[in-house]
């Protein structure tokens, strides 16, 4: 191996080691929980929902959220899918809230409405699946939450 190749190999190995050290062996996965889920007044025929997520960052560095992809299933029917990159930075050893406003598409809304009209209910089951991207070198954080939403007062 030539001296240039040896120096290049040594430099590459150092970059790899120091680059991986930046991942932080003490990195703890942030906690994400559903803080609110409510039905909003409709604009047109499609129902809208406000989905609140509460994020706790147990690390000594701020958490820059790159994006979130989410889906919502109501009464066994996937009615909402969406994504956003307009997210706040969660401070080190801090907490932050993310509010998503989701609108269903017209066909899915009609199917859900027909189902609810055929079988009237005072509560509807929901399942929220969200994936938070906290950077290219970190794994995504998955949140799966299930519960019921009241059709009488519009809150979880």
N, C-alpha and C. Protein backbone atom coordinates (compact mmCIF):
# COMPACT_ATOMS: atom_id res chain seq x y z
N UNK A 1 0.85 -1.17 0.00
CA UNK A 1 0.00 0.00 0.00
C UNK A 1 0.90 1.24 0.00
N UNK A 2 0.61 2.20 -0.82
CA UNK A 2 1.42 3.41 -0.90
C UNK A 2 1.15 4.27 0.31
N UNK A 3 2.07 5.21 0.55
CA UNK A 3 1.91 6.11 1.70
C UNK A 3 0.65 6.96 1.57
N UNK A 4 0.30 7.35 0.34
CA UNK A 4 -0.91 8.15 0.13
C UNK A 4 -2.14 7.32 0.48
N UNK A 5 -2.15 6.07 0.06
CA UNK A 5 -3.28 5.19 0.34
C UNK A 5 -3.38 4.92 1.84
N UNK A 6 -2.23 4.76 2.51
CA UNK A 6 -2.24 4.53 3.95
C UNK A 6 -2.80 5.74 4.70
N UNK A 7 -2.36 6.94 4.29
CA UNK A 7 -2.85 8.16 4.94
C UNK A 7 -4.36 8.34 4.70
N UNK A 8 -4.78 8.05 3.46
CA UNK A 8 -6.20 8.17 3.14
C UNK A 8 -7.02 7.18 3.97
N UNK A 9 -6.52 5.93 4.10
CA UNK A 9 -7.23 4.91 4.89
C UNK A 9 -7.32 5.32 6.35
N UNK A 10 -6.22 5.88 6.88
CA UNK A 10 -6.19 6.32 8.28
C UNK A 10 -7.18 7.48 8.48
N UNK A 11 -7.19 8.43 7.54
CA UNK A 11 -8.10 9.56 7.62
C UNK A 11 -9.56 9.09 7.55
N UNK A 12 -9.84 8.17 6.65
CA UNK A 12 -11.20 7.64 6.51
C UNK A 12 -11.64 6.93 7.78
N UNK A 13 -10.75 6.15 8.39
CA UNK A 13 -11.07 5.44 9.63
C UNK A 13 -11.35 6.43 10.76
N UNK A 14 -10.54 7.50 10.84
CA UNK A 14 -10.76 8.52 11.88
C UNK A 14 -12.10 9.21 11.69
N UNK A 15 -12.42 9.57 10.45
CA UNK A 15 -13.70 10.21 10.18
C UNK A 15 -14.86 9.30 10.55
N UNK A 16 -14.73 8.02 10.25
CA UNK A 16 -15.78 7.06 10.58
C UNK A 16 -15.98 6.96 12.09
N UNK A 17 -14.87 6.84 12.82
CA UNK A 17 -14.95 6.70 14.27
C UNK A 17 -15.52 7.97 14.90
N UNK A 18 -15.01 9.14 14.51
CA UNK A 18 -15.49 10.38 15.11
C UNK A 18 -16.90 10.71 14.64
N UNK A 19 -17.23 10.34 13.43
CA UNK A 19 -18.59 10.56 12.92
C UNK A 19 -19.59 9.74 13.69
N UNK A 20 -19.28 8.49 13.96
CA UNK A 20 -20.18 7.63 14.73
C UNK A 20 -20.26 8.06 16.19
N UNK A 21 -19.18 8.65 16.68
CA UNK A 21 -19.21 9.15 18.07
C UNK A 21 -20.22 10.27 18.20
N UNK A 22 -20.47 10.98 17.11
CA UNK A 22 -21.45 12.06 17.14
C UNK A 22 -22.87 11.56 17.33
N UNK A 23 -23.09 10.26 17.06
CA UNK A 23 -24.42 9.70 17.28
C UNK A 23 -24.75 9.67 18.77
N UNK A 24 -23.75 9.70 19.59
CA UNK A 24 -23.97 9.75 21.02
C UNK A 24 -24.42 8.42 21.58
N UNK A 25 -23.52 7.71 22.25
CA UNK A 25 -23.91 6.43 22.84
C UNK A 25 -24.94 6.60 23.94
N UNK A 26 -25.05 7.80 24.49
CA UNK A 26 -26.02 8.04 25.55
C UNK A 26 -27.35 8.58 25.04
N UNK A 27 -27.56 8.54 23.72
CA UNK A 27 -28.80 9.06 23.16
C UNK A 27 -29.97 8.20 23.61
N UNK A 28 -30.98 8.86 24.19
CA UNK A 28 -32.20 8.16 24.61
C UNK A 28 -33.32 8.54 23.66
N UNK A 29 -34.13 7.57 23.30
CA UNK A 29 -35.25 7.84 22.40
C UNK A 29 -36.26 8.74 23.09
N UNK A 30 -36.65 9.84 22.45
CA UNK A 30 -37.66 10.71 23.02
C UNK A 30 -38.99 9.99 23.18
N UNK A 31 -39.80 10.46 24.11
CA UNK A 31 -41.12 9.90 24.35
C UNK A 31 -42.14 10.74 23.59
N UNK A 32 -43.02 10.05 22.87
CA UNK A 32 -44.07 10.74 22.12
C UNK A 32 -45.41 10.17 22.57
N UNK A 33 -46.33 11.04 22.93
CA UNK A 33 -47.65 10.60 23.36
C UNK A 33 -48.74 11.45 22.73
N UNK A 34 -49.90 10.87 22.64
CA UNK A 34 -51.06 11.59 22.12
C UNK A 34 -51.61 12.47 23.25
N UNK A 35 -51.63 13.79 23.03
CA UNK A 35 -52.10 14.69 24.07
C UNK A 35 -53.53 15.18 23.82
N UNK A 36 -53.95 15.19 22.56
CA UNK A 36 -55.33 15.59 22.28
C UNK A 36 -55.76 15.02 20.93
N UNK A 37 -57.04 14.85 20.81
CA UNK A 37 -57.63 14.37 19.57
C UNK A 37 -59.06 14.87 19.56
N UNK A 38 -59.36 15.76 18.62
CA UNK A 38 -60.72 16.29 18.62
C UNK A 38 -61.20 16.57 17.21
N UNK A 39 -62.49 16.52 17.08
CA UNK A 39 -63.16 16.82 15.83
C UNK A 39 -63.28 18.32 15.70
N UNK A 40 -62.87 18.87 14.56
CA UNK A 40 -62.97 20.30 14.31
C UNK A 40 -64.20 20.59 13.45
N UNK A 41 -64.68 21.81 13.46
CA UNK A 41 -65.79 22.16 12.55
C UNK A 41 -65.37 21.89 11.11
N UNK A 42 -66.25 21.29 10.35
CA UNK A 42 -65.93 20.91 8.97
C UNK A 42 -65.92 22.14 8.06
N UNK A 43 -65.04 22.10 7.10
CA UNK A 43 -65.02 23.08 6.03
C UNK A 43 -65.42 22.32 4.78
N UNK A 44 -66.66 22.45 4.38
CA UNK A 44 -67.16 21.62 3.28
C UNK A 44 -67.70 20.33 3.86
N UNK A 45 -67.62 19.26 3.07
CA UNK A 45 -68.19 17.98 3.50
C UNK A 45 -67.21 17.12 4.29
N UNK A 46 -65.92 17.36 4.14
CA UNK A 46 -64.93 16.49 4.77
C UNK A 46 -64.68 16.89 6.22
N UNK A 47 -64.75 15.92 7.14
CA UNK A 47 -64.45 16.24 8.53
C UNK A 47 -62.97 16.56 8.73
N UNK A 48 -62.68 17.40 9.72
CA UNK A 48 -61.30 17.75 10.06
C UNK A 48 -61.04 17.38 11.51
N UNK A 49 -59.78 17.03 11.77
CA UNK A 49 -59.40 16.61 13.11
C UNK A 49 -58.15 17.37 13.53
N UNK A 50 -58.07 17.65 14.82
CA UNK A 50 -56.86 18.22 15.39
C UNK A 50 -56.21 17.12 16.23
N UNK A 51 -54.98 16.82 15.92
CA UNK A 51 -54.24 15.76 16.61
C UNK A 51 -53.07 16.41 17.32
N UNK A 52 -53.03 16.28 18.64
CA UNK A 52 -51.95 16.87 19.43
C UNK A 52 -50.98 15.79 19.90
N UNK A 53 -49.70 16.03 19.70
CA UNK A 53 -48.65 15.12 20.17
C UNK A 53 -47.78 15.86 21.17
N UNK A 54 -47.41 15.19 22.26
CA UNK A 54 -46.53 15.77 23.26
C UNK A 54 -45.22 14.99 23.22
N UNK A 55 -44.11 15.72 23.08
CA UNK A 55 -42.80 15.09 22.92
C UNK A 55 -41.91 15.49 24.09
N UNK A 56 -41.28 14.50 24.71
CA UNK A 56 -40.34 14.74 25.81
C UNK A 56 -38.95 14.33 25.33
N UNK A 57 -38.00 15.27 25.40
CA UNK A 57 -36.63 15.02 24.97
C UNK A 57 -35.75 14.82 26.20
N UNK A 58 -35.30 13.58 26.48
CA UNK A 58 -34.48 13.31 27.66
C UNK A 58 -32.98 13.48 27.40
N UNK A 59 -32.61 14.11 26.30
CA UNK A 59 -31.20 14.23 25.91
C UNK A 59 -30.65 15.62 26.16
N UNK A 60 -29.33 15.73 26.18
CA UNK A 60 -28.69 17.02 26.45
C UNK A 60 -28.55 17.90 25.21
N UNK A 61 -29.00 17.41 24.08
CA UNK A 61 -28.98 18.21 22.86
C UNK A 61 -30.42 18.43 22.38
N UNK A 62 -30.69 19.58 21.76
CA UNK A 62 -32.03 19.83 21.24
C UNK A 62 -32.41 18.79 20.19
N UNK A 63 -33.70 18.55 20.06
CA UNK A 63 -34.22 17.56 19.12
C UNK A 63 -34.84 18.31 17.94
N UNK A 64 -34.16 18.25 16.81
CA UNK A 64 -34.67 18.91 15.60
C UNK A 64 -35.52 17.90 14.85
N UNK A 65 -36.81 18.12 14.83
CA UNK A 65 -37.72 17.21 14.14
C UNK A 65 -37.70 17.54 12.65
N UNK A 66 -37.36 16.54 11.84
CA UNK A 66 -37.27 16.74 10.39
C UNK A 66 -38.63 16.60 9.71
N UNK A 67 -39.45 15.69 10.20
CA UNK A 67 -40.75 15.48 9.58
C UNK A 67 -41.56 14.44 10.32
N UNK A 68 -42.82 14.35 9.95
CA UNK A 68 -43.71 13.36 10.53
C UNK A 68 -44.65 12.86 9.44
N UNK A 69 -44.87 11.56 9.45
CA UNK A 69 -45.82 10.91 8.55
C UNK A 69 -46.85 10.24 9.45
N UNK A 70 -48.13 10.41 9.14
CA UNK A 70 -49.15 9.87 10.03
C UNK A 70 -50.34 9.36 9.24
N UNK A 71 -51.08 8.46 9.90
CA UNK A 71 -52.35 7.98 9.35
C UNK A 71 -53.32 7.80 10.51
N UNK A 72 -54.59 7.95 10.18
CA UNK A 72 -55.65 7.84 11.18
C UNK A 72 -56.72 6.91 10.65
N UNK A 73 -57.09 5.94 11.47
CA UNK A 73 -58.16 5.01 11.13
C UNK A 73 -59.32 5.27 12.08
N UNK A 74 -60.50 5.47 11.53
CA UNK A 74 -61.71 5.68 12.32
C UNK A 74 -62.71 4.58 11.99
N UNK A 75 -63.28 3.98 13.02
CA UNK A 75 -64.28 2.93 12.85
C UNK A 75 -63.78 1.86 11.89
N UNK A 76 -62.50 1.53 11.97
CA UNK A 76 -61.93 0.47 11.14
C UNK A 76 -61.60 0.89 9.72
N UNK A 77 -61.76 2.16 9.37
CA UNK A 77 -61.48 2.63 8.02
C UNK A 77 -60.38 3.70 8.06
N UNK A 78 -59.31 3.48 7.26
CA UNK A 78 -58.24 4.48 7.19
C UNK A 78 -58.78 5.69 6.45
N UNK A 79 -58.93 6.79 7.16
CA UNK A 79 -59.56 7.97 6.58
C UNK A 79 -58.60 9.14 6.35
N UNK A 80 -57.48 9.15 7.03
CA UNK A 80 -56.54 10.26 6.91
C UNK A 80 -55.12 9.73 6.79
N UNK A 81 -54.39 10.28 5.86
CA UNK A 81 -52.95 10.07 5.80
C UNK A 81 -52.34 11.44 5.51
N UNK A 82 -51.19 11.69 6.06
CA UNK A 82 -50.57 12.99 5.83
C UNK A 82 -49.13 13.02 6.26
N UNK A 83 -48.49 14.13 5.95
CA UNK A 83 -47.09 14.34 6.32
C UNK A 83 -46.86 15.84 6.47
N UNK A 84 -45.91 16.20 7.32
CA UNK A 84 -45.53 17.60 7.47
C UNK A 84 -44.08 17.68 7.87
N UNK A 85 -43.46 18.77 7.48
CA UNK A 85 -42.09 19.05 7.90
C UNK A 85 -42.03 20.35 8.70
N UNK A 86 -43.18 20.96 8.94
CA UNK A 86 -43.27 22.21 9.70
C UNK A 86 -43.41 21.86 11.18
N UNK A 87 -42.27 21.58 11.81
CA UNK A 87 -42.27 21.09 13.18
C UNK A 87 -41.31 21.89 14.05
N UNK A 88 -41.60 22.02 15.33
CA UNK A 88 -40.73 22.79 16.22
C UNK A 88 -39.50 21.98 16.64
N UNK A 89 -38.54 22.68 17.19
CA UNK A 89 -37.38 22.04 17.80
C UNK A 89 -37.70 21.85 19.28
N UNK A 90 -37.47 20.64 19.80
CA UNK A 90 -37.73 20.36 21.21
C UNK A 90 -36.42 20.59 21.97
N UNK A 91 -36.43 21.46 22.97
CA UNK A 91 -35.17 21.79 23.67
C UNK A 91 -34.58 20.61 24.42
N UNK A 92 -33.29 20.71 24.68
CA UNK A 92 -32.60 19.69 25.48
C UNK A 92 -33.27 19.59 26.84
N UNK A 93 -33.45 18.37 27.32
CA UNK A 93 -34.12 18.11 28.60
C UNK A 93 -35.43 18.90 28.69
N UNK A 94 -36.16 18.94 27.59
CA UNK A 94 -37.39 19.71 27.56
C UNK A 94 -38.54 18.98 26.91
N UNK A 95 -39.61 19.71 26.74
CA UNK A 95 -40.83 19.16 26.17
C UNK A 95 -41.34 20.09 25.09
N UNK A 96 -42.11 19.52 24.18
CA UNK A 96 -42.71 20.33 23.12
C UNK A 96 -44.00 19.69 22.64
N UNK A 97 -44.84 20.50 22.04
CA UNK A 97 -46.11 20.02 21.52
C UNK A 97 -46.18 20.24 20.02
N UNK A 98 -46.77 19.30 19.33
CA UNK A 98 -46.99 19.37 17.89
C UNK A 98 -48.48 19.23 17.67
N UNK A 99 -49.06 20.12 16.88
CA UNK A 99 -50.47 20.04 16.54
C UNK A 99 -50.61 19.80 15.05
N UNK A 100 -51.28 18.72 14.70
CA UNK A 100 -51.52 18.38 13.31
C UNK A 100 -52.99 18.62 13.01
N UNK A 101 -53.27 19.26 11.90
CA UNK A 101 -54.64 19.43 11.45
C UNK A 101 -54.81 18.54 10.23
N UNK A 102 -55.69 17.58 10.33
CA UNK A 102 -55.85 16.58 9.28
C UNK A 102 -57.25 16.66 8.69
N UNK A 103 -57.32 16.57 7.37
CA UNK A 103 -58.59 16.57 6.66
C UNK A 103 -58.68 15.30 5.83
N UNK A 104 -59.84 14.67 5.87
CA UNK A 104 -60.02 13.45 5.08
C UNK A 104 -60.34 13.82 3.65
N UNK A 105 -60.17 12.85 2.75
CA UNK A 105 -60.61 13.12 1.38
C UNK A 105 -62.11 12.80 1.27
N UNK A 106 -62.74 13.30 0.25
CA UNK A 106 -64.20 13.23 0.12
C UNK A 106 -64.72 11.79 0.07
N UNK A 107 -64.10 10.92 -0.72
CA UNK A 107 -64.60 9.54 -0.83
C UNK A 107 -64.50 8.78 0.48
N UNK A 108 -63.38 8.95 1.16
CA UNK A 108 -63.24 8.27 2.46
C UNK A 108 -64.24 8.82 3.47
N UNK A 109 -64.50 10.11 3.41
CA UNK A 109 -65.49 10.72 4.31
C UNK A 109 -66.88 10.17 4.06
N UNK A 110 -67.23 10.00 2.79
CA UNK A 110 -68.56 9.47 2.45
C UNK A 110 -68.71 8.04 2.96
N UNK A 111 -67.66 7.22 2.78
CA UNK A 111 -67.71 5.83 3.29
C UNK A 111 -67.87 5.80 4.80
N UNK A 112 -67.13 6.66 5.50
CA UNK A 112 -67.23 6.70 6.95
C UNK A 112 -68.61 7.18 7.38
N UNK A 113 -69.11 8.21 6.75
CA UNK A 113 -70.43 8.74 7.08
C UNK A 113 -71.52 7.69 6.84
N UNK A 114 -71.45 6.98 5.72
CA UNK A 114 -72.43 5.93 5.43
C UNK A 114 -72.38 4.84 6.49
N UNK A 115 -71.18 4.48 6.89
CA UNK A 115 -71.03 3.46 7.93
C UNK A 115 -71.65 3.92 9.25
N UNK A 116 -71.41 5.18 9.62
CA UNK A 116 -71.95 5.70 10.87
C UNK A 116 -73.47 5.88 10.81
N UNK A 117 -74.00 6.19 9.63
CA UNK A 117 -75.45 6.33 9.49
C UNK A 117 -76.15 4.97 9.56
N UNK A 118 -75.50 3.93 9.00
CA UNK A 118 -76.07 2.58 9.04
C UNK A 118 -76.02 1.98 10.44
N UNK A 119 -75.00 2.33 11.20
CA UNK A 119 -74.84 1.83 12.55
C UNK A 119 -74.51 2.99 13.49
N UNK A 120 -75.52 3.77 13.91
CA UNK A 120 -75.27 4.95 14.76
C UNK A 120 -74.56 4.55 16.06
N UNK A 121 -73.59 5.39 16.45
CA UNK A 121 -72.80 5.14 17.64
C UNK A 121 -72.55 6.46 18.36
N UNK A 122 -72.39 6.41 19.66
CA UNK A 122 -72.05 7.62 20.40
C UNK A 122 -70.53 7.79 20.49
N UNK A 123 -69.79 6.70 20.31
CA UNK A 123 -68.32 6.77 20.27
C UNK A 123 -67.82 5.97 19.06
N UNK A 124 -66.67 6.39 18.54
CA UNK A 124 -66.04 5.71 17.41
C UNK A 124 -64.62 5.37 17.81
N UNK A 125 -64.18 4.18 17.46
CA UNK A 125 -62.80 3.80 17.74
C UNK A 125 -61.86 4.49 16.76
N UNK A 126 -60.65 4.79 17.24
CA UNK A 126 -59.64 5.37 16.36
C UNK A 126 -58.30 4.69 16.60
N UNK A 127 -57.44 4.76 15.59
CA UNK A 127 -56.06 4.30 15.70
C UNK A 127 -55.20 5.31 14.96
N UNK A 128 -54.24 5.87 15.67
CA UNK A 128 -53.31 6.83 15.10
C UNK A 128 -51.95 6.16 14.98
N UNK A 129 -51.37 6.23 13.80
CA UNK A 129 -50.02 5.70 13.56
C UNK A 129 -49.18 6.86 13.07
N UNK A 130 -48.11 7.18 13.77
CA UNK A 130 -47.24 8.29 13.38
C UNK A 130 -45.78 7.86 13.44
N UNK A 131 -45.00 8.40 12.51
CA UNK A 131 -43.55 8.15 12.48
C UNK A 131 -42.86 9.50 12.45
N UNK A 132 -42.05 9.77 13.47
CA UNK A 132 -41.31 11.03 13.55
C UNK A 132 -39.88 10.80 13.10
N UNK A 133 -39.43 11.64 12.18
CA UNK A 133 -38.06 11.59 11.68
C UNK A 133 -37.25 12.61 12.46
N UNK A 134 -36.25 12.13 13.21
CA UNK A 134 -35.44 13.03 14.02
C UNK A 134 -34.04 13.19 13.46
N UNK A 135 -33.89 12.93 12.17
CA UNK A 135 -32.61 13.12 11.51
C UNK A 135 -32.16 11.86 10.79
N UNK A 136 -31.32 12.04 9.81
CA UNK A 136 -30.93 10.93 8.94
C UNK A 136 -30.10 9.87 9.65
N UNK A 137 -29.41 10.21 10.72
CA UNK A 137 -28.57 9.24 11.41
C UNK A 137 -29.25 8.61 12.61
N UNK A 138 -30.49 8.95 12.87
CA UNK A 138 -31.24 8.41 14.00
C UNK A 138 -32.42 7.59 13.48
N UNK A 139 -32.82 6.58 14.21
CA UNK A 139 -34.00 5.81 13.78
C UNK A 139 -35.27 6.63 13.99
N UNK A 140 -36.27 6.34 13.19
CA UNK A 140 -37.56 7.01 13.35
C UNK A 140 -38.23 6.55 14.64
N UNK A 141 -39.04 7.43 15.19
CA UNK A 141 -39.80 7.11 16.40
C UNK A 141 -41.22 6.78 15.96
N UNK A 142 -41.69 5.60 16.36
CA UNK A 142 -43.04 5.18 16.00
C UNK A 142 -44.00 5.39 17.17
N UNK A 143 -45.16 5.89 16.85
CA UNK A 143 -46.23 6.06 17.84
C UNK A 143 -47.46 5.38 17.31
N UNK A 144 -48.02 4.51 18.11
CA UNK A 144 -49.30 3.88 17.77
C UNK A 144 -50.21 4.06 18.97
N UNK A 145 -51.32 4.72 18.73
CA UNK A 145 -52.27 5.02 19.80
C UNK A 145 -53.66 4.59 19.35
N UNK A 146 -54.37 3.94 20.26
CA UNK A 146 -55.74 3.51 19.97
C UNK A 146 -56.65 4.02 21.08
N UNK A 147 -57.91 4.27 20.73
CA UNK A 147 -58.84 4.74 21.73
C UNK A 147 -60.21 4.97 21.13
N UNK A 148 -60.97 5.81 21.79
CA UNK A 148 -62.34 6.13 21.34
C UNK A 148 -62.51 7.63 21.32
N UNK A 149 -63.31 8.09 20.37
CA UNK A 149 -63.66 9.50 20.30
C UNK A 149 -65.19 9.61 20.42
N UNK A 150 -65.60 10.55 21.26
CA UNK A 150 -67.04 10.75 21.46
C UNK A 150 -67.60 11.59 20.33
N UNK A 151 -68.70 11.16 19.78
CA UNK A 151 -69.36 11.95 18.74
C UNK A 151 -70.30 12.99 19.35
N UNK A 152 -70.50 12.91 20.64
CA UNK A 152 -71.42 13.83 21.31
C UNK A 152 -70.77 15.17 21.61
N UNK A 153 -69.51 15.18 22.12
CA UNK A 153 -68.87 16.46 22.45
C UNK A 153 -67.62 16.74 21.62
N UNK A 154 -67.19 15.80 20.74
CA UNK A 154 -66.08 16.02 19.84
C UNK A 154 -64.70 15.92 20.47
N UNK A 155 -64.60 15.34 21.70
CA UNK A 155 -63.28 15.20 22.33
C UNK A 155 -62.98 13.74 22.58
N UNK A 156 -61.73 13.50 22.84
CA UNK A 156 -61.26 12.14 23.11
C UNK A 156 -61.72 11.65 24.44
